[in-house]
């Protein structure tokens, strides 16, 4: 069953919205990491055990890596759908 141009256009719109959300989530993820790194430094400066806080930084970074991979997949899907919806006209010559 073929997918209509209208359906592809809606899919493209949906994927672009997902890409915007992914970009926002990634930026917020970096902010969380920076705040947590600040907390680690505060703990260390105060002579406190910072191992759990450091572990959280690593987990946040791993999560962010997965979000960035997912963003790449969204970009690939957007590119594919753009070709389906907005094909480049062929030139004759």
PDB file of N, CA and C in Angstrom:
ATOM      1  N   UNK A   1       0.825  -1.169   0.000  1.00  0.00           N
ATOM      2  CA  UNK A   1       0.000   0.000   0.000  1.00  0.00           C
ATOM      3  C   UNK A   1       0.879   1.245   0.000  1.00  0.00           C
ATOM      4  N   UNK A   2       0.691   2.103  -0.962  1.00  0.00           N
ATOM      5  CA  UNK A   2       1.484   3.317  -1.099  1.00  0.00           C
ATOM      6  C   UNK A   2       1.031   4.366  -0.084  1.00  0.00           C
ATOM      7  N   UNK A   3       1.988   5.132   0.362  1.00  0.00           N
ATOM      8  CA  UNK A   3       1.695   6.210   1.303  1.00  0.00           C
ATOM      9  C   UNK A   3       1.476   7.482   0.497  1.00  0.00           C
ATOM     10  N   UNK A   4       0.417   8.187   0.796  1.00  0.00           N
ATOM     11  CA  UNK A   4       0.079   9.390   0.038  1.00  0.00           C
ATOM     12  C   UNK A   4       1.045  10.530   0.368  1.00  0.00           C
ATOM     13  N   UNK A   5       1.076  11.504  -0.513  1.00  0.00           N
ATOM     14  CA  UNK A   5       1.904  12.688  -0.306  1.00  0.00           C
ATOM     15  C   UNK A   5       1.473  13.414   0.966  1.00  0.00           C
ATOM     16  N   UNK A   6       0.181  13.477   1.220  1.00  0.00           N
ATOM     17  CA  UNK A   6      -0.319  14.135   2.429  1.00  0.00           C
ATOM     18  C   UNK A   6       0.183  13.423   3.685  1.00  0.00           C
ATOM     19  N   UNK A   7       0.194  12.094   3.665  1.00  0.00           N
ATOM     20  CA  UNK A   7       0.688  11.335   4.815  1.00  0.00           C
ATOM     21  C   UNK A   7       2.187  11.562   5.011  1.00  0.00           C
ATOM     22  N   UNK A   8       2.933  11.550   3.917  1.00  0.00           N
ATOM     23  CA  UNK A   8       4.382  11.796   3.992  1.00  0.00           C
ATOM     24  C   UNK A   8       4.649  13.207   4.515  1.00  0.00           C
ATOM     25  N   UNK A   9       3.860  14.164   4.056  1.00  0.00           N
ATOM     26  CA  UNK A   9       4.023  15.541   4.509  1.00  0.00           C
ATOM     27  C   UNK A   9       3.759  15.642   6.008  1.00  0.00           C
ATOM     28  N   UNK A  10       2.745  14.955   6.484  1.00  0.00           N
ATOM     29  CA  UNK A  10       2.450  14.951   7.929  1.00  0.00           C
ATOM     30  C   UNK A  10       3.576  14.278   8.702  1.00  0.00           C
ATOM     31  N   UNK A  11       4.095  13.174   8.164  1.00  0.00           N
ATOM     32  CA  UNK A  11       5.217  12.490   8.816  1.00  0.00           C
ATOM     33  C   UNK A  11       6.427  13.423   8.914  1.00  0.00           C
ATOM     34  N   UNK A  12       6.687  14.158   7.830  1.00  0.00           N
ATOM     35  CA  UNK A  12       7.802  15.095   7.818  1.00  0.00           C
ATOM     36  C   UNK A  12       7.594  16.171   8.888  1.00  0.00           C
ATOM     37  N   UNK A  13       6.394  16.708   8.950  1.00  0.00           N
ATOM     38  CA  UNK A  13       6.075  17.713   9.967  1.00  0.00           C
ATOM     39  C   UNK A  13       6.295  17.144  11.371  1.00  0.00           C
ATOM     40  N   UNK A  14       5.829  15.931  11.608  1.00  0.00           N
ATOM     41  CA  UNK A  14       5.971  15.284  12.915  1.00  0.00           C
ATOM     42  C   UNK A  14       7.446  15.067  13.264  1.00  0.00           C
ATOM     43  N   UNK A  15       8.218  14.613  12.301  1.00  0.00           N
ATOM     44  CA  UNK A  15       9.641  14.357  12.541  1.00  0.00           C
ATOM     45  C   UNK A  15      10.396  15.657  12.818  1.00  0.00           C
ATOM     46  N   UNK A  16      10.026  16.720  12.121  1.00  0.00           N
ATOM     47  CA  UNK A  16      10.671  18.009  12.384  1.00  0.00           C
ATOM     48  C   UNK A  16      10.366  18.491  13.803  1.00  0.00           C
ATOM     49  N   UNK A  17       9.153  18.259  14.261  1.00  0.00           N
ATOM     50  CA  UNK A  17       8.799  18.606  15.646  1.00  0.00           C
ATOM     51  C   UNK A  17       9.613  17.766  16.629  1.00  0.00           C
ATOM     52  N   UNK A  18       9.767  16.485  16.316  1.00  0.00           N
ATOM     53  CA  UNK A  18      10.588  15.616  17.167  1.00  0.00           C
ATOM     54  C   UNK A  18      12.040  16.087  17.204  1.00  0.00           C
ATOM     55  N   UNK A  19      12.535  16.565  16.065  1.00  0.00           N
ATOM     56  CA  UNK A  19      13.901  17.070  16.003  1.00  0.00           C
ATOM     57  C   UNK A  19      14.055  18.313  16.883  1.00  0.00           C
ATOM     58  N   UNK A  20      13.085  19.206  16.831  1.00  0.00           N
ATOM     59  CA  UNK A  20      13.124  20.392  17.693  1.00  0.00           C
ATOM     60  C   UNK A  20      13.139  19.989  19.167  1.00  0.00           C
ATOM     61  N   UNK A  21      12.308  19.011  19.518  1.00  0.00           N
ATOM     62  CA  UNK A  21      12.267  18.537  20.907  1.00  0.00           C
ATOM     63  C   UNK A  21      13.586  17.878  21.292  1.00  0.00           C
ATOM     64  N   UNK A  22      14.141  17.090  20.387  1.00  0.00           N
ATOM     65  CA  UNK A  22      15.424  16.443  20.667  1.00  0.00           C
ATOM     66  C   UNK A  22      16.510  17.482  20.906  1.00  0.00           C
ATOM     67  N   UNK A  23      16.534  18.536  20.082  1.00  0.00           N
ATOM     68  CA  UNK A  23      17.524  19.595  20.267  1.00  0.00           C
ATOM     69  C   UNK A  23      17.374  20.247  21.634  1.00  0.00           C
ATOM     70  N   UNK A  24      16.144  20.532  22.026  1.00  0.00           N
ATOM     71  CA  UNK A  24      15.883  21.136  23.329  1.00  0.00           C
ATOM     72  C   UNK A  24      16.283  20.187  24.464  1.00  0.00           C
ATOM     73  N   UNK A  25      15.915  18.927  24.340  1.00  0.00           N
ATOM     74  CA  UNK A  25      16.263  17.942  25.369  1.00  0.00           C
ATOM     75  C   UNK A  25      17.777  17.809  25.525  1.00  0.00           C
ATOM     76  N   UNK A  26      18.486  17.826  24.411  1.00  0.00           N
ATOM     77  CA  UNK A  26      19.947  17.697  24.453  1.00  0.00           C
ATOM     78  C   UNK A  26      20.560  18.916  25.131  1.00  0.00           C
ATOM     79  N   UNK A  27      20.086  20.094  24.785  1.00  0.00           N
ATOM     80  CA  UNK A  27      20.602  21.305  25.434  1.00  0.00           C
ATOM     81  C   UNK A  27      20.329  21.267  26.940  1.00  0.00           C
ATOM     82  N   UNK A  28      19.124  20.870  27.322  1.00  0.00           N
ATOM     83  CA  UNK A  28      18.805  20.760  28.747  1.00  0.00           C
ATOM     84  C   UNK A  28      19.657  19.684  29.419  1.00  0.00           C
ATOM     85  N   UNK A  29      19.966  18.622  28.687  1.00  0.00           N
ATOM     86  CA  UNK A  29      20.836  17.572  29.219  1.00  0.00           C
ATOM     87  C   UNK A  29      22.225  18.098  29.522  1.00  0.00           C
ATOM     88  N   UNK A  30      22.768  18.903  28.613  1.00  0.00           N
ATOM     89  CA  UNK A  30      24.083  19.507  28.856  1.00  0.00           C
ATOM     90  C   UNK A  30      24.044  20.428  30.073  1.00  0.00           C
ATOM     91  N   UNK A  31      22.943  21.152  30.228  1.00  0.00           N
ATOM     92  CA  UNK A  31      22.808  22.028  31.400  1.00  0.00           C
ATOM     93  C   UNK A  31      22.786  21.207  32.687  1.00  0.00           C
ATOM     94  N   UNK A  32      22.069  20.085  32.676  1.00  0.00           N
ATOM     95  CA  UNK A  32      22.029  19.210  33.857  1.00  0.00           C
ATOM     96  C   UNK A  32      23.427  18.696  34.206  1.00  0.00           C
ATOM     97  N   UNK A  33      24.160  18.311  33.164  1.00  0.00           N
ATOM     98  CA  UNK A  33      25.517  17.803  33.385  1.00  0.00           C
ATOM     99  C   UNK A  33      26.387  18.885  34.014  1.00  0.00           C
ATOM    100  N   UNK A  34      26.314  20.090  33.483  1.00  0.00           N
ATOM    101  CA  UNK A  34      27.132  21.179  34.043  1.00  0.00           C
ATOM    102  C   UNK A  34      26.767  21.450  35.508  1.00  0.00           C
ATOM    103  N   UNK A  35      25.473  21.441  35.811  1.00  0.00           N
ATOM    104  CA  UNK A  35      25.058  21.662  37.204  1.00  0.00           C
ATOM    105  C   UNK A  35      25.565  20.540  38.115  1.00  0.00           C
ATOM    106  N   UNK A  36      25.480  19.311  37.622  1.00  0.00           N
ATOM    107  CA  UNK A  36      25.939  18.186  38.434  1.00  0.00           C
ATOM    108  C   UNK A  36      27.450  18.232  38.620  1.00  0.00           C
ATOM    109  N   UNK A  37      28.180  18.635  37.585  1.00  0.00           N
ATOM    110  CA  UNK A  37      29.632  18.773  37.726  1.00  0.00           C
ATOM    111  C   UNK A  37      29.973  19.849  38.760  1.00  0.00           C
ATOM    112  N   UNK A  38      29.182  20.910  38.787  1.00  0.00           N
ATOM    113  CA  UNK A  38      29.380  21.942  39.812  1.00  0.00           C
ATOM    114  C   UNK A  38      29.158  21.360  41.203  1.00  0.00           C
ATOM    115  N   UNK A  39      28.143  20.523  41.348  1.00  0.00           N
ATOM    116  CA  UNK A  39      27.865  19.892  42.645  1.00  0.00           C
ATOM    117  C   UNK A  39      29.026  18.987  43.072  1.00  0.00           C
ATOM    118  N   UNK A  40      29.580  18.261  42.114  1.00  0.00           N
ATOM    119  CA  UNK A  40      30.731  17.401  42.416  1.00  0.00           C
ATOM    120  C   UNK A  40      31.863  18.256  42.970  1.00  0.00           C
ATOM    121  N   UNK A  41      32.149  19.360  42.302  1.00  0.00           N
ATOM    122  CA  UNK A  41      33.231  20.239  42.761  1.00  0.00           C
ATOM    123  C   UNK A  41      32.947  20.796  44.152  1.00  0.00           C
ATOM    124  N   UNK A  42      31.689  21.159  44.403  1.00  0.00           N
ATOM    125  CA  UNK A  42      31.317  21.665  45.728  1.00  0.00           C
ATOM    126  C   UNK A  42      31.527  20.595  46.799  1.00  0.00           C
ATOM    127  N   UNK A  43      31.117  19.381  46.501  1.00  0.00           N
ATOM    128  CA  UNK A  43      31.308  18.283  47.452  1.00  0.00           C
ATOM    129  C   UNK A  43      32.792  18.054  47.726  1.00  0.00           C
ATOM    130  N   UNK A  44      33.565  18.013  46.652  1.00  0.00           N
ATOM    131  CA  UNK A  44      35.003  17.780  46.808  1.00  0.00           C
ATOM    132  C   UNK A  44      35.658  18.919  47.591  1.00  0.00           C
ATOM    133  N   UNK A  45      35.255  20.151  47.292  1.00  0.00           N
ATOM    134  CA  UNK A  45      35.827  21.309  47.994  1.00  0.00           C
ATOM    135  C   UNK A  45      35.479  21.275  49.480  1.00  0.00           C
ATOM    136  N   UNK A  46      34.318  20.712  49.800  1.00  0.00           N
ATOM    137  CA  UNK A  46      33.904  20.609  51.196  1.00  0.00           C
ATOM    138  C   UNK A  46      34.426  19.365  51.893  1.00  0.00           C
ATOM    139  N   UNK A  47      35.209  18.575  51.184  1.00  0.00           N
ATOM    140  CA  UNK A  47      35.787  17.372  51.779  1.00  0.00           C
ATOM    141  C   UNK A  47      34.809  16.212  51.894  1.00  0.00           C
ATOM    142  N   UNK A  48      33.736  16.263  51.127  1.00  0.00           N
ATOM    143  CA  UNK A  48      32.716  15.212  51.177  1.00  0.00           C
ATOM    144  C   UNK A  48      32.978  14.139  50.126  1.00  0.00           C
ATOM    145  N   UNK A  49      32.397  12.989  50.353  1.00  0.00           N
ATOM    146  CA  UNK A  49      32.473  11.894  49.387  1.00  0.00           C
ATOM    147  C   UNK A  49      31.646  12.274  48.151  1.00  0.00           C
ATOM    148  N   UNK A  50      32.277  12.281  47.003  1.00  0.00           N
ATOM    149  CA  UNK A  50      31.601  12.718  45.771  1.00  0.00           C
ATOM    150  C   UNK A  50      31.399  11.568  44.782  1.00  0.00           C
ATOM    151  N   UNK A  51      31.664  10.350  45.208  1.00  0.00           N
ATOM    152  CA  UNK A  51      31.597   9.220  44.267  1.00  0.00           C
ATOM    153  C   UNK A  51      30.217   9.065  43.624  1.00  0.00           C
ATOM    154  N   UNK A  52      29.160   9.158  44.404  1.00  0.00           N
ATOM    155  CA  UNK A  52      27.810   8.998  43.838  1.00  0.00           C
ATOM    156  C   UNK A  52      27.483  10.152  42.886  1.00  0.00           C
ATOM    157  N   UNK A  53      27.885  11.342  43.243  1.00  0.00           N
ATOM    158  CA  UNK A  53      27.647  12.502  42.379  1.00  0.00           C
ATOM    159  C   UNK A  53      28.423  12.360  41.066  1.00  0.00           C
ATOM    160  N   UNK A  54      29.640  11.828  41.151  1.00  0.00           N
ATOM    161  CA  UNK A  54      30.445  11.592  39.949  1.00  0.00           C
ATOM    162  C   UNK A  54      29.801  10.512  39.085  1.00  0.00           C
ATOM    163  N   UNK A  55      29.286   9.501  39.725  1.00  0.00           N
ATOM    164  CA  UNK A  55      28.605   8.421  38.985  1.00  0.00           C
ATOM    165  C   UNK A  55      27.395   8.977  38.238  1.00  0.00           C
ATOM    166  N   UNK A  56      26.678   9.874  38.887  1.00  0.00           N
ATOM    167  CA  UNK A  56      25.527  10.487  38.228  1.00  0.00           C
ATOM    168  C   UNK A  56      25.955  11.275  36.998  1.00  0.00           C
ATOM    169  N   UNK A  57      27.080  11.974  37.076  1.00  0.00           N
ATOM    170  CA  UNK A  57      27.591  12.699  35.903  1.00  0.00           C
ATOM    171  C   UNK A  57      27.814  11.721  34.755  1.00  0.00           C
ATOM    172  N   UNK A  58      28.424  10.600  35.045  1.00  0.00           N
ATOM    173  CA  UNK A  58      28.688   9.603  33.994  1.00  0.00           C
ATOM    174  C   UNK A  58      27.395   9.048  33.410  1.00  0.00           C
ATOM    175  N   UNK A  59      26.426   8.782  34.259  1.00  0.00           N
ATOM    176  CA  UNK A  59      25.133   8.290  33.767  1.00  0.00           C
ATOM    177  C   UNK A  59      24.427   9.329  32.900  1.00  0.00           C
ATOM    178  N   UNK A  60      24.497  10.583  33.309  1.00  0.00           N
ATOM    179  CA  UNK A  60      23.898  11.659  32.506  1.00  0.00           C
ATOM    180  C   UNK A  60      24.576  11.753  31.139  1.00  0.00           C
ATOM    181  N   UNK A  61      25.887  11.617  31.128  1.00  0.00           N
ATOM    182  CA  UNK A  61      26.627  11.674  29.854  1.00  0.00           C
ATOM    183  C   UNK A  61      26.254  10.491  28.952  1.00  0.00           C
ATOM    184  N   UNK A  62      26.104   9.309  29.539  1.00  0.00           N
ATOM    185  CA  UNK A  62      25.705   8.143  28.752  1.00  0.00           C
ATOM    186  C   UNK A  62      24.309   8.342  28.167  1.00  0.00           C
ATOM    187  N   UNK A  63      23.418   8.891  28.968  1.00  0.00           N
ATOM    188  CA  UNK A  63      22.066   9.157  28.500  1.00  0.00           C
ATOM    189  C   UNK A  63      22.093  10.166  27.369  1.00  0.00           C
ATOM    190  N   UNK A  64      22.894  11.206  27.526  1.00  0.00           N
ATOM    191  CA  UNK A  64      22.992  12.236  26.492  1.00  0.00           C
ATOM    192  C   UNK A  64      23.547  11.659  25.189  1.00  0.00           C
ATOM    193  N   UNK A  65      24.474  10.749  25.291  1.00  0.00           N
ATOM    194  CA  UNK A  65      25.004  10.087  24.093  1.00  0.00           C
ATOM    195  C   UNK A  65      23.892   9.356  23.346  1.00  0.00           C
ATOM    196  N   UNK A  66      23.031   8.680  24.086  1.00  0.00           N
ATOM    197  CA  UNK A  66      21.907   7.987  23.453  1.00  0.00           C
ATOM    198  C   UNK A  66      20.923   8.974  22.836  1.00  0.00           C
ATOM    199  N   UNK A  67      20.685  10.088  23.491  1.00  0.00           N
ATOM    200  CA  UNK A  67      19.796  11.120  22.926  1.00  0.00           C
ATOM    201  C   UNK A  67      20.380  11.659  21.625  1.00  0.00           C
ATOM    202  N   UNK A  68      21.694  11.856  21.591  1.00  0.00           N
ATOM    203  CA  UNK A  68      22.340  12.369  20.376  1.00  0.00           C
ATOM    204  C   UNK A  68      22.258  11.342  19.247  1.00  0.00           C
ATOM    205  N   UNK A  69      22.378  10.067  19.576  1.00  0.00           N
ATOM    206  CA  UNK A  69      22.208   9.020  18.562  1.00  0.00           C
ATOM    207  C   UNK A  69      20.775   9.029  18.021  1.00  0.00           C
ATOM    208  N   UNK A  70      19.828   9.190  18.917  1.00  0.00           N
ATOM    209  CA  UNK A  70      18.430   9.243  18.494  1.00  0.00           C
ATOM    210  C   UNK A  70      18.196  10.459  17.607  1.00  0.00           C
ATOM    211  N   UNK A  71      18.803  11.585  17.944  1.00  0.00           N
ATOM    212  CA  UNK A  71      18.689  12.792  17.124  1.00  0.00           C
ATOM    213  C   UNK A  71      19.211  12.529  15.712  1.00  0.00           C
ATOM    214  N   UNK A  72      20.306  11.804  15.615  1.00  0.00           N
ATOM    215  CA  UNK A  72      20.865  11.467  14.301  1.00  0.00           C
ATOM    216  C   UNK A  72      19.862  10.650  13.483  1.00  0.00           C
ATOM    217  N   UNK A  73      19.193   9.718  14.123  1.00  0.00           N
ATOM    218  CA  UNK A  73      18.171   8.925  13.417  1.00  0.00           C
ATOM    219  C   UNK A  73      17.013   9.803  12.952  1.00  0.00           C
ATOM    220  N   UNK A  74      16.631  10.760  13.785  1.00  0.00           N
ATOM    221  CA  UNK A  74      15.553  11.674  13.390  1.00  0.00           C
ATOM    222  C   UNK A  74      15.983  12.483  12.170  1.00  0.00           C
ATOM    223  N   UNK A  75      17.209  12.975  12.171  1.00  0.00           N
ATOM    224  CA  UNK A  75      17.722  13.745  11.034  1.00  0.00           C
ATOM    225  C   UNK A  75      17.701  12.895   9.766  1.00  0.00           C
ATOM    226  N   UNK A  76      18.119  11.651   9.882  1.00  0.00           N
ATOM    227  CA  UNK A  76      18.093  10.760   8.715  1.00  0.00           C
ATOM    228  C   UNK A  76      16.670  10.582   8.192  1.00  0.00           C
ATOM    229  N   UNK A  77      15.729  10.437   9.095  1.00  0.00           N
ATOM    230  CA  UNK A  77      14.322  10.286   8.697  1.00  0.00           C
ATOM    231  C   UNK A  77      13.804  11.571   8.054  1.00  0.00           C
ATOM    232  N   UNK A  78      14.149  12.717   8.611  1.00  0.00           N
ATOM    233  CA  UNK A  78      13.740  13.994   8.019  1.00  0.00           C
ATOM    234  C   UNK A  78      14.306  14.106   6.608  1.00  0.00           C
ATOM    235  N   UNK A  79      15.569  13.790   6.433  1.00  0.00           N
ATOM    236  CA  UNK A  79      16.185  13.867   5.104  1.00  0.00           C
ATOM    237  C   UNK A  79      15.474  12.954   4.111  1.00  0.00           C
ATOM    238  N   UNK A  80      15.169  11.754   4.547  1.00  0.00           N
ATOM    239  CA  UNK A  80      14.459  10.805   3.692  1.00  0.00           C
ATOM    240  C   UNK A  80      13.095  11.359   3.291  1.00  0.00           C
ATOM    241  N   UNK A  81      12.351  11.840   4.280  1.00  0.00           N
ATOM    242  CA  UNK A  81      11.006  12.351   4.000  1.00  0.00           C
ATOM    243  C   UNK A  81      11.048  13.605   3.130  1.00  0.00           C
ATOM    244  N   UNK A  82      12.050  14.433   3.331  1.00  0.00           N
ATOM    245  CA  UNK A  82      12.181  15.619   2.474  1.00  0.00           C
ATOM    246  C   UNK A  82      12.361  15.217   1.016  1.00  0.00           C
ATOM    247  N   UNK A  83      13.115  14.173   0.782  1.00  0.00           N
ATOM    248  CA  UNK A  83      13.291  13.691  -0.593  1.00  0.00           C
ATOM    249  C   UNK A  83      11.991  13.145  -1.160  1.00  0.00           C
ATOM    250  N   UNK A  84      11.183  12.535  -0.299  1.00  0.00           N
ATOM    251  CA  UNK A  84       9.902  12.000  -0.737  1.00  0.00           C
ATOM    252  C   UNK A  84       8.883  13.112  -1.009  1.00  0.00           C
ATOM    253  N   UNK A  85       8.888  14.127  -0.171  1.00  0.00           N
ATOM    254  CA  UNK A  85       7.884  15.191  -0.252  1.00  0.00           C
ATOM    255  C   UNK A  85       8.329  16.312  -1.170  1.00  0.00           C
ATOM    256  N   UNK A  86       9.608  16.645  -1.116  1.00  0.00           N
ATOM    257  CA  UNK A  86      10.138  17.773  -1.871  1.00  0.00           C
ATOM    258  C   UNK A  86      11.269  17.308  -2.777  1.00  0.00           C
ATOM    259  N   UNK A  87      10.970  16.437  -3.747  1.00  0.00           N
ATOM    260  CA  UNK A  87      12.066  15.921  -4.585  1.00  0.00           C
ATOM    261  C   UNK A  87      12.725  17.041  -5.385  1.00  0.00           C
ATOM    262  N   UNK A  88      14.024  16.886  -5.583  1.00  0.00           N
ATOM    263  CA  UNK A  88      14.772  17.847  -6.377  1.00  0.00           C
ATOM    264  C   UNK A  88      14.418  17.633  -7.846  1.00  0.00           C
ATOM    265  N   UNK A  89      14.010  18.712  -8.523  1.00  0.00           N
ATOM    266  CA  UNK A  89      13.646  18.535  -9.941  1.00  0.00           C
ATOM    267  C   UNK A  89      14.872  18.126 -10.765  1.00  0.00           C
ATOM    268  N   UNK A  90      14.647  17.243 -11.695  1.00  0.00           N
ATOM    269  CA  UNK A  90      15.723  16.804 -12.578  1.00  0.00           C
ATOM    270  C   UNK A  90      15.909  17.828 -13.683  1.00  0.00           C
ATOM    271  N   UNK A  91      17.154  18.053 -14.019  1.00  0.00           N
ATOM    272  CA  UNK A  91      17.442  18.976 -15.110  1.00  0.00           C
ATOM    273  C   UNK A  91      17.656  18.188 -16.383  1.00  0.00           C
ATOM    274  N   UNK A  92      17.241  18.730 -17.479  1.00  0.00           N
ATOM    275  CA  UNK A  92      17.437  18.068 -18.762  1.00  0.00           C
ATOM    276  C   UNK A  92      18.648  18.695 -19.420  1.00  0.00           C
ATOM    277  N   UNK A  93      19.328  17.916 -20.195  1.00  0.00           N
ATOM    278  CA  UNK A  93      20.446  18.543 -20.860  1.00  0.00           C
ATOM    279  C   UNK A  93      21.392  17.632 -21.444  1.00  0.00           C
TER     280      UNK A  93
END
